[in-house]
Amino acid sequence: MFGILQKMDRFSNKLMTQDERIDFIQELVDENMVWEMHSKYIDEALFLMGQGKVVDMVLRRAIDNDAPRNQKDAAGYNPFDTALCG
């Protein structure tokens, strides 16, 4: 419905409902944009995460469908280790 700039304007001017605000911040987190934005967006994301309304999931792809569960990727991570999730 709205593009990112329109959403930023609505957020900054407090024109969003609570659900719209949560969806917007979740969108920024999902796109990994929020951490490079102004502190008001980061602070809101951290606040909503603390309330359990926004989640930051770190997903890693499997190296190979037949890879053993204890295999590590080139960076030394096990792609099946759920402890890596944010």
PDB file of N, CA and C in Angstrom:
ATOM      1  N   MET A   1       0.825  -1.191   0.000  1.00  0.00           N
ATOM      2  CA  MET A   1       0.000   0.000   0.000  1.00  0.00           C
ATOM      3  C   MET A   1       0.872   1.259   0.000  1.00  0.00           C
ATOM      4  N   PHE A   2       1.816   1.332   0.946  1.00  0.00           N
ATOM      5  CA  PHE A   2       2.725   2.474   1.009  1.00  0.00           C
ATOM      6  C   PHE A   2       4.136   1.999   0.724  1.00  0.00           C
ATOM      7  N   GLY A   3       4.937   2.866   0.097  1.00  0.00           N
ATOM      8  CA  GLY A   3       6.347   2.577  -0.099  1.00  0.00           C
ATOM      9  C   GLY A   3       7.124   2.888   1.172  1.00  0.00           C
ATOM     10  N   ILE A   4       8.398   2.552   1.164  1.00  0.00           N
ATOM     11  CA  ILE A   4       9.229   2.710   2.365  1.00  0.00           C
ATOM     12  C   ILE A   4       9.298   4.168   2.810  1.00  0.00           C
ATOM     13  N   LEU A   5       9.415   5.105   1.875  1.00  0.00           N
ATOM     14  CA  LEU A   5       9.516   6.522   2.269  1.00  0.00           C
ATOM     15  C   LEU A   5       8.220   7.022   2.888  1.00  0.00           C
ATOM     16  N   GLN A   6       7.092   6.586   2.331  1.00  0.00           N
ATOM     17  CA  GLN A   6       5.812   6.981   2.906  1.00  0.00           C
ATOM     18  C   GLN A   6       5.650   6.389   4.310  1.00  0.00           C
ATOM     19  N   LYS A   7       6.093   5.138   4.477  1.00  0.00           N
ATOM     20  CA  LYS A   7       6.009   4.511   5.795  1.00  0.00           C
ATOM     21  C   LYS A   7       6.909   5.227   6.794  1.00  0.00           C
ATOM     22  N   MET A   8       8.108   5.621   6.351  1.00  0.00           N
ATOM     23  CA  MET A   8       9.014   6.358   7.239  1.00  0.00           C
ATOM     24  C   MET A   8       8.384   7.680   7.656  1.00  0.00           C
ATOM     25  N   ASP A   9       7.752   8.353   6.715  1.00  0.00           N
ATOM     26  CA  ASP A   9       7.093   9.625   7.021  1.00  0.00           C
ATOM     27  C   ASP A   9       5.945   9.415   8.010  1.00  0.00           C
ATOM     28  N   ARG A  10       5.133   8.400   7.769  1.00  0.00           N
ATOM     29  CA  ARG A  10       4.015   8.110   8.677  1.00  0.00           C
ATOM     30  C   ARG A  10       4.519   7.722  10.061  1.00  0.00           C
ATOM     31  N   PHE A  11       5.613   6.943  10.119  1.00  0.00           N
ATOM     32  CA  PHE A  11       6.193   6.552  11.411  1.00  0.00           C
ATOM     33  C   PHE A  11       6.701   7.789  12.149  1.00  0.00           C
ATOM     34  N   SER A  12       7.467   8.619  11.454  1.00  0.00           N
ATOM     35  CA  SER A  12       8.058   9.810  12.079  1.00  0.00           C
ATOM     36  C   SER A  12       6.995  10.784  12.582  1.00  0.00           C
ATOM     37  N   ASN A  13       5.878  10.870  11.872  1.00  0.00           N
ATOM     38  CA  ASN A  13       4.815  11.797  12.255  1.00  0.00           C
ATOM     39  C   ASN A  13       3.742  11.153  13.125  1.00  0.00           C
ATOM     40  N   LYS A  14       4.051   9.940  13.609  1.00  0.00           N
ATOM     41  CA  LYS A  14       3.151   9.212  14.526  1.00  0.00           C
ATOM     42  C   LYS A  14       1.743   9.052  13.951  1.00  0.00           C
ATOM     43  N   LEU A  15       1.677   8.699  12.666  1.00  0.00           N
ATOM     44  CA  LEU A  15       0.406   8.517  11.981  1.00  0.00           C
ATOM     45  C   LEU A  15       0.053   7.035  11.807  1.00  0.00           C
ATOM     46  N   MET A  16       0.853   6.150  12.388  1.00  0.00           N
ATOM     47  CA  MET A  16       0.614   4.715  12.255  1.00  0.00           C
ATOM     48  C   MET A  16      -0.122   4.180  13.471  1.00  0.00           C
ATOM     49  N   THR A  17      -0.966   3.196  13.218  1.00  0.00           N
ATOM     50  CA  THR A  17      -1.569   2.469  14.329  1.00  0.00           C
ATOM     51  C   THR A  17      -0.468   1.582  14.929  1.00  0.00           C
ATOM     52  N   GLN A  18      -0.744   1.001  16.063  1.00  0.00           N
ATOM     53  CA  GLN A  18       0.239   0.114  16.690  1.00  0.00           C
ATOM     54  C   GLN A  18       0.566  -1.064  15.775  1.00  0.00           C
ATOM     55  N   ASP A  19      -0.444  -1.653  15.156  1.00  0.00           N
ATOM     56  CA  ASP A  19      -0.212  -2.789  14.257  1.00  0.00           C
ATOM     57  C   ASP A  19       0.598  -2.377  13.036  1.00  0.00           C
ATOM     58  N   GLU A  20       0.314  -1.210  12.479  1.00  0.00           N
ATOM     59  CA  GLU A  20       1.090  -0.712  11.334  1.00  0.00           C
ATOM     60  C   GLU A  20       2.543  -0.479  11.733  1.00  0.00           C
ATOM     61  N   ARG A  21       2.750   0.077  12.928  1.00  0.00           N
ATOM     62  CA  ARG A  21       4.104   0.336  13.418  1.00  0.00           C
ATOM     63  C   ARG A  21       4.877  -0.974  13.578  1.00  0.00           C
ATOM     64  N   ILE A  22       4.233  -1.975  14.157  1.00  0.00           N
ATOM     65  CA  ILE A  22       4.883  -3.272  14.346  1.00  0.00           C
ATOM     66  C   ILE A  22       5.220  -3.890  12.992  1.00  0.00           C
ATOM     67  N   ASP A  23       4.264  -3.863  12.057  1.00  0.00           N
ATOM     68  CA  ASP A  23       4.508  -4.427  10.726  1.00  0.00           C
ATOM     69  C   ASP A  23       5.639  -3.703  10.011  1.00  0.00           C
ATOM     70  N   PHE A  24       5.676  -2.379  10.139  1.00  0.00           N
ATOM     71  CA  PHE A  24       6.716  -1.585   9.494  1.00  0.00           C
ATOM     72  C   PHE A  24       8.090  -1.916  10.063  1.00  0.00           C
ATOM     73  N   ILE A  25       8.203  -1.945  11.362  1.00  0.00           N
ATOM     74  CA  ILE A  25       9.493  -2.253  11.978  1.00  0.00           C
ATOM     75  C   ILE A  25       9.903  -3.685  11.654  1.00  0.00           C
ATOM     76  N   GLN A  26       8.957  -4.625  11.650  1.00  0.00           N
ATOM     77  CA  GLN A  26       9.269  -6.002  11.286  1.00  0.00           C
ATOM     78  C   GLN A  26       9.778  -6.065   9.850  1.00  0.00           C
ATOM     79  N   GLU A  27       9.183  -5.291   8.963  1.00  0.00           N
ATOM     80  CA  GLU A  27       9.636  -5.230   7.574  1.00  0.00           C
ATOM     81  C   GLU A  27      11.079  -4.729   7.500  1.00  0.00           C
ATOM     82  N   LEU A  28      11.400  -3.693   8.265  1.00  0.00           N
ATOM     83  CA  LEU A  28      12.765  -3.163   8.270  1.00  0.00           C
ATOM     84  C   LEU A  28      13.752  -4.185   8.818  1.00  0.00           C
ATOM     85  N   VAL A  29      13.343  -4.913   9.841  1.00  0.00           N
ATOM     86  CA  VAL A  29      14.201  -5.952  10.418  1.00  0.00           C
ATOM     87  C   VAL A  29      14.377  -7.088   9.416  1.00  0.00           C
ATOM     88  N   ASP A  30      13.278  -7.513   8.792  1.00  0.00           N
ATOM     89  CA  ASP A  30      13.345  -8.609   7.817  1.00  0.00           C
ATOM     90  C   ASP A  30      14.271  -8.277   6.658  1.00  0.00           C
ATOM     91  N   GLU A  31      14.265  -7.033   6.228  1.00  0.00           N
ATOM     92  CA  GLU A  31      15.104  -6.604   5.108  1.00  0.00           C
ATOM     93  C   GLU A  31      16.517  -6.227   5.569  1.00  0.00           C
ATOM     94  N   ASN A  32      16.764  -6.356   6.874  1.00  0.00           N
ATOM     95  CA  ASN A  32      18.070  -6.047   7.472  1.00  0.00           C
ATOM     96  C   ASN A  32      18.471  -4.587   7.242  1.00  0.00           C
ATOM     97  N   MET A  33      17.485  -3.713   7.144  1.00  0.00           N
ATOM     98  CA  MET A  33      17.733  -2.293   6.922  1.00  0.00           C
ATOM     99  C   MET A  33      17.804  -1.510   8.222  1.00  0.00           C
ATOM    100  N   VAL A  34      17.072  -1.962   9.214  1.00  0.00           N
ATOM    101  CA  VAL A  34      16.872  -1.170  10.421  1.00  0.00           C
ATOM    102  C   VAL A  34      18.186  -0.808  11.107  1.00  0.00           C
ATOM    103  N   TRP A  35      19.174  -1.696  11.063  1.00  0.00           N
ATOM    104  CA  TRP A  35      20.422  -1.497  11.805  1.00  0.00           C
ATOM    105  C   TRP A  35      21.298  -0.419  11.196  1.00  0.00           C
ATOM    106  N   GLU A  36      20.970   0.020   9.978  1.00  0.00           N
ATOM    107  CA  GLU A  36      21.725   1.088   9.310  1.00  0.00           C
ATOM    108  C   GLU A  36      20.947   2.404   9.306  1.00  0.00           C
ATOM    109  N   MET A  37      19.807   2.428   9.977  1.00  0.00           N
ATOM    110  CA  MET A  37      18.937   3.600   9.947  1.00  0.00           C
ATOM    111  C   MET A  37      19.132   4.463  11.200  1.00  0.00           C
ATOM    112  N   HIS A  38      18.391   5.545  11.252  1.00  0.00           N
ATOM    113  CA  HIS A  38      18.418   6.477  12.380  1.00  0.00           C
ATOM    114  C   HIS A  38      18.095   5.734  13.677  1.00  0.00           C
ATOM    115  N   SER A  39      18.607   6.224  14.770  1.00  0.00           N
ATOM    116  CA  SER A  39      18.452   5.544  16.060  1.00  0.00           C
ATOM    117  C   SER A  39      16.988   5.382  16.482  1.00  0.00           C
ATOM    118  N   LYS A  40      16.093   6.244  16.018  1.00  0.00           N
ATOM    119  CA  LYS A  40      14.684   6.093  16.411  1.00  0.00           C
ATOM    120  C   LYS A  40      14.104   4.786  15.880  1.00  0.00           C
ATOM    121  N   TYR A  41      14.561   4.332  14.716  1.00  0.00           N
ATOM    122  CA  TYR A  41      14.097   3.056  14.160  1.00  0.00           C
ATOM    123  C   TYR A  41      14.741   1.887  14.902  1.00  0.00           C
ATOM    124  N   ILE A  42      16.024   2.013  15.192  1.00  0.00           N
ATOM    125  CA  ILE A  42      16.736   0.964  15.939  1.00  0.00           C
ATOM    126  C   ILE A  42      16.134   0.828  17.333  1.00  0.00           C
ATOM    127  N   ASP A  43      15.931   1.959  17.991  1.00  0.00           N
ATOM    128  CA  ASP A  43      15.353   1.931  19.343  1.00  0.00           C
ATOM    129  C   ASP A  43      13.965   1.299  19.343  1.00  0.00           C
ATOM    130  N   GLU A  44      13.155   1.637  18.344  1.00  0.00           N
ATOM    131  CA  GLU A  44      11.810   1.064  18.261  1.00  0.00           C
ATOM    132  C   GLU A  44      11.885  -0.436  18.002  1.00  0.00           C
ATOM    133  N   ALA A  45      12.818  -0.852  17.131  1.00  0.00           N
ATOM    134  CA  ALA A  45      12.978  -2.279  16.851  1.00  0.00           C
ATOM    135  C   ALA A  45      13.386  -3.023  18.117  1.00  0.00           C
ATOM    136  N   LEU A  46      14.342  -2.498  18.847  1.00  0.00           N
ATOM    137  CA  LEU A  46      14.790  -3.149  20.079  1.00  0.00           C
ATOM    138  C   LEU A  46      13.686  -3.184  21.126  1.00  0.00           C
ATOM    139  N   PHE A  47      12.915  -2.103  21.219  1.00  0.00           N
ATOM    140  CA  PHE A  47      11.794  -2.055  22.159  1.00  0.00           C
ATOM    141  C   PHE A  47      10.756  -3.126  21.815  1.00  0.00           C
ATOM    142  N   LEU A  48      10.374  -3.198  20.537  1.00  0.00           N
ATOM    143  CA  LEU A  48       9.369  -4.169  20.113  1.00  0.00           C
ATOM    144  C   LEU A  48       9.881  -5.606  20.213  1.00  0.00           C
ATOM    145  N   MET A  49      11.185  -5.794  20.010  1.00  0.00           N
ATOM    146  CA  MET A  49      11.771  -7.125  20.202  1.00  0.00           C
ATOM    147  C   MET A  49      11.696  -7.529  21.666  1.00  0.00           C
ATOM    148  N   GLY A  50      11.964  -6.576  22.541  1.00  0.00           N
ATOM    149  CA  GLY A  50      11.886  -6.837  23.970  1.00  0.00           C
ATOM    150  C   GLY A  50      10.487  -7.225  24.408  1.00  0.00           C
ATOM    151  N   GLN A  51       9.481  -6.721  23.710  1.00  0.00           N
ATOM    152  CA  GLN A  51       8.088  -7.063  24.002  1.00  0.00           C
ATOM    153  C   GLN A  51       7.645  -8.337  23.285  1.00  0.00           C
ATOM    154  N   GLY A  52       8.508  -8.873  22.433  1.00  0.00           N
ATOM    155  CA  GLY A  52       8.164 -10.078  21.684  1.00  0.00           C
ATOM    156  C   GLY A  52       7.249  -9.825  20.501  1.00  0.00           C
ATOM    157  N   LYS A  53       7.160  -8.583  20.043  1.00  0.00           N
ATOM    158  CA  LYS A  53       6.265  -8.249  18.931  1.00  0.00           C
ATOM    159  C   LYS A  53       6.981  -8.226  17.597  1.00  0.00           C
ATOM    160  N   VAL A  54       8.310  -8.139  17.629  1.00  0.00           N
ATOM    161  CA  VAL A  54       9.144  -8.163  16.430  1.00  0.00           C
ATOM    162  C   VAL A  54      10.248  -9.173  16.690  1.00  0.00           C
ATOM    163  N   VAL A  55      10.587  -9.947  15.673  1.00  0.00           N
ATOM    164  CA  VAL A  55      11.653 -10.940  15.814  1.00  0.00           C
ATOM    165  C   VAL A  55      12.721 -10.712  14.752  1.00  0.00           C
ATOM    166  N   ASP A  56      13.942 -11.015  15.105  1.00  0.00           N
ATOM    167  CA  ASP A  56      15.078 -10.915  14.193  1.00  0.00           C
ATOM    168  C   ASP A  56      15.624 -12.318  14.008  1.00  0.00           C
ATOM    169  N   MET A  57      15.271 -12.923  12.911  1.00  0.00           N
ATOM    170  CA  MET A  57      15.705 -14.286  12.637  1.00  0.00           C
ATOM    171  C   MET A  57      16.913 -14.265  11.711  1.00  0.00           C
ATOM    172  N   VAL A  58      17.966 -14.944  12.111  1.00  0.00           N
ATOM    173  CA  VAL A  58      19.138 -15.116  11.269  1.00  0.00           C
ATOM    174  C   VAL A  58      19.007 -16.492  10.645  1.00  0.00           C
ATOM    175  N   LEU A  59      18.866 -16.518   9.357  1.00  0.00           N
ATOM    176  CA  LEU A  59      18.699 -17.792   8.669  1.00  0.00           C
ATOM    177  C   LEU A  59      19.948 -18.112   7.868  1.00  0.00           C
ATOM    178  N   ARG A  60      20.364 -19.339   7.926  1.00  0.00           N
ATOM    179  CA  ARG A  60      21.502 -19.808   7.133  1.00  0.00           C
ATOM    180  C   ARG A  60      21.005 -20.918   6.233  1.00  0.00           C
ATOM    181  N   ARG A  61      21.472 -20.901   5.003  1.00  0.00           N
ATOM    182  CA  ARG A  61      21.036 -21.937   4.079  1.00  0.00           C
ATOM    183  C   ARG A  61      21.869 -23.197   4.269  1.00  0.00           C
ATOM    184  N   ALA A  62      21.300 -24.313   3.917  1.00  0.00           N
ATOM    185  CA  ALA A  62      22.013 -25.586   3.975  1.00  0.00           C
ATOM    186  C   ALA A  62      23.032 -25.614   2.852  1.00  0.00           C
ATOM    187  N   ILE A  63      24.193 -26.165   3.125  1.00  0.00           N
ATOM    188  CA  ILE A  63      25.239 -26.268   2.113  1.00  0.00           C
ATOM    189  C   ILE A  63      24.800 -27.231   1.013  1.00  0.00           C
ATOM    190  N   ASP A  64      24.244 -28.330   1.427  1.00  0.00           N
ATOM    191  CA  ASP A  64      23.865 -29.400   0.521  1.00  0.00           C
ATOM    192  C   ASP A  64      22.735 -30.166   1.194  1.00  0.00           C
ATOM    193  N   ASN A  65      21.760 -30.553   0.436  1.00  0.00           N
ATOM    194  CA  ASN A  65      20.638 -31.283   1.014  1.00  0.00           C
ATOM    195  C   ASN A  65      21.075 -32.573   1.699  1.00  0.00           C
ATOM    196  N   ASP A  66      22.183 -33.160   1.259  1.00  0.00           N
ATOM    197  CA  ASP A  66      22.661 -34.413   1.835  1.00  0.00           C
ATOM    198  C   ASP A  66      23.765 -34.201   2.867  1.00  0.00           C
ATOM    199  N   ALA A  67      24.020 -32.932   3.227  1.00  0.00           N
ATOM    200  CA  ALA A  67      25.107 -32.645   4.174  1.00  0.00           C
ATOM    201  C   ALA A  67      24.771 -33.222   5.540  1.00  0.00           C
ATOM    202  N   PRO A  68      25.749 -33.807   6.186  1.00  0.00           N
ATOM    203  CA  PRO A  68      25.497 -34.293   7.546  1.00  0.00           C
ATOM    204  C   PRO A  68      25.193 -33.126   8.477  1.00  0.00           C
ATOM    205  N   ARG A  69      24.445 -33.391   9.528  1.00  0.00           N
ATOM    206  CA  ARG A  69      24.006 -32.338  10.448  1.00  0.00           C
ATOM    207  C   ARG A  69      25.156 -31.679  11.201  1.00  0.00           C
ATOM    208  N   ASN A  70      26.325 -32.269  11.236  1.00  0.00           N
ATOM    209  CA  ASN A  70      27.448 -31.672  11.970  1.00  0.00           C
ATOM    210  C   ASN A  70      28.472 -31.020  11.045  1.00  0.00           C
ATOM    211  N   GLN A  71      28.184 -30.923   9.774  1.00  0.00           N
ATOM    212  CA  GLN A  71      29.099 -30.310   8.822  1.00  0.00           C
ATOM    213  C   GLN A  71      29.092 -28.796   8.993  1.00  0.00           C
ATOM    214  N   LYS A  72      30.245 -28.158   8.791  1.00  0.00           N
ATOM    215  CA  LYS A  72      30.350 -26.709   8.916  1.00  0.00           C
ATOM    216  C   LYS A  72      30.565 -26.096   7.535  1.00  0.00           C
ATOM    217  N   ASP A  73      30.085 -24.861   7.364  1.00  0.00           N
ATOM    218  CA  ASP A  73      30.282 -24.173   6.087  1.00  0.00           C
ATOM    219  C   ASP A  73      31.661 -23.521   6.058  1.00  0.00           C
ATOM    220  N   ALA A  74      31.958 -22.765   5.003  1.00  0.00           N
ATOM    221  CA  ALA A  74      33.279 -22.162   4.832  1.00  0.00           C
ATOM    222  C   ALA A  74      33.623 -21.186   5.956  1.00  0.00           C
ATOM    223  N   ALA A  75      32.612 -20.584   6.571  1.00  0.00           N
ATOM    224  CA  ALA A  75      32.841 -19.643   7.662  1.00  0.00           C
ATOM    225  C   ALA A  75      32.972 -20.343   9.010  1.00  0.00           C
ATOM    226  N   GLY A  76      32.834 -21.667   9.015  1.00  0.00           N
ATOM    227  CA  GLY A  76      32.974 -22.419  10.255  1.00  0.00           C
ATOM    228  C   GLY A  76      31.684 -22.592  11.024  1.00  0.00           C
ATOM    229  N   TYR A  77      30.530 -22.270  10.390  1.00  0.00           N
ATOM    230  CA  TYR A  77      29.238 -22.402  11.053  1.00  0.00           C
ATOM    231  C   TYR A  77      28.543 -23.691  10.616  1.00  0.00           C
ATOM    232  N   ASN A  78      27.798 -24.257  11.531  1.00  0.00           N
ATOM    233  CA  ASN A  78      26.940 -25.381  11.199  1.00  0.00           C
ATOM    234  C   ASN A  78      25.613 -24.780  10.740  1.00  0.00           C
ATOM    235  N   PRO A  79      25.213 -24.969   9.469  1.00  0.00           N
ATOM    236  CA  PRO A  79      23.996 -24.325   8.971  1.00  0.00           C
ATOM    237  C   PRO A  79      22.720 -24.825   9.645  1.00  0.00           C
ATOM    238  N   PHE A  80      22.799 -25.900  10.418  1.00  0.00           N
ATOM    239  CA  PHE A  80      21.628 -26.437  11.095  1.00  0.00           C
ATOM    240  C   PHE A  80      21.597 -26.075  12.575  1.00  0.00           C
ATOM    241  N   ASP A  81      22.570 -25.295  13.031  1.00  0.00           N
ATOM    242  CA  ASP A  81      22.655 -24.935  14.440  1.00  0.00           C
ATOM    243  C   ASP A  81      21.676 -23.801  14.730  1.00  0.00           C
ATOM    244  N   THR A  82      20.616 -24.109  15.443  1.00  0.00           N
ATOM    245  CA  THR A  82      19.599 -23.082  15.735  1.00  0.00           C
ATOM    246  C   THR A  82      20.081 -22.066  16.758  1.00  0.00           C
ATOM    247  N   ALA A  83      21.204 -22.324  17.430  1.00  0.00           N
ATOM    248  CA  ALA A  83      21.746 -21.346  18.378  1.00  0.00           C
ATOM    249  C   ALA A  83      22.233 -20.091  17.644  1.00  0.00           C
ATOM    250  N   LEU A  84      22.412 -20.178  16.332  1.00  0.00           N
ATOM    251  CA  LEU A  84      22.858 -19.036  15.557  1.00  0.00           C
ATOM    252  C   LEU A  84      21.752 -18.035  15.315  1.00  0.00           C
ATOM    253  N   CYS A  85      20.521 -18.427  15.547  1.00  0.00           N
ATOM    254  CA  CYS A  85      19.381 -17.547  15.292  1.00  0.00           C
ATOM    255  C   CYS A  85      19.384 -16.400  16.293  1.00  0.00           C
ATOM    256  N   GLY A  86      19.118 -15.191  15.774  1.00  0.00           N
ATOM    257  CA  GLY A  86      19.181 -13.978  16.559  1.00  0.00           C
ATOM    258  C   GLY A  86      18.178 -13.922  17.612  1.00  0.00           C
TER     259      GLY A  86
END
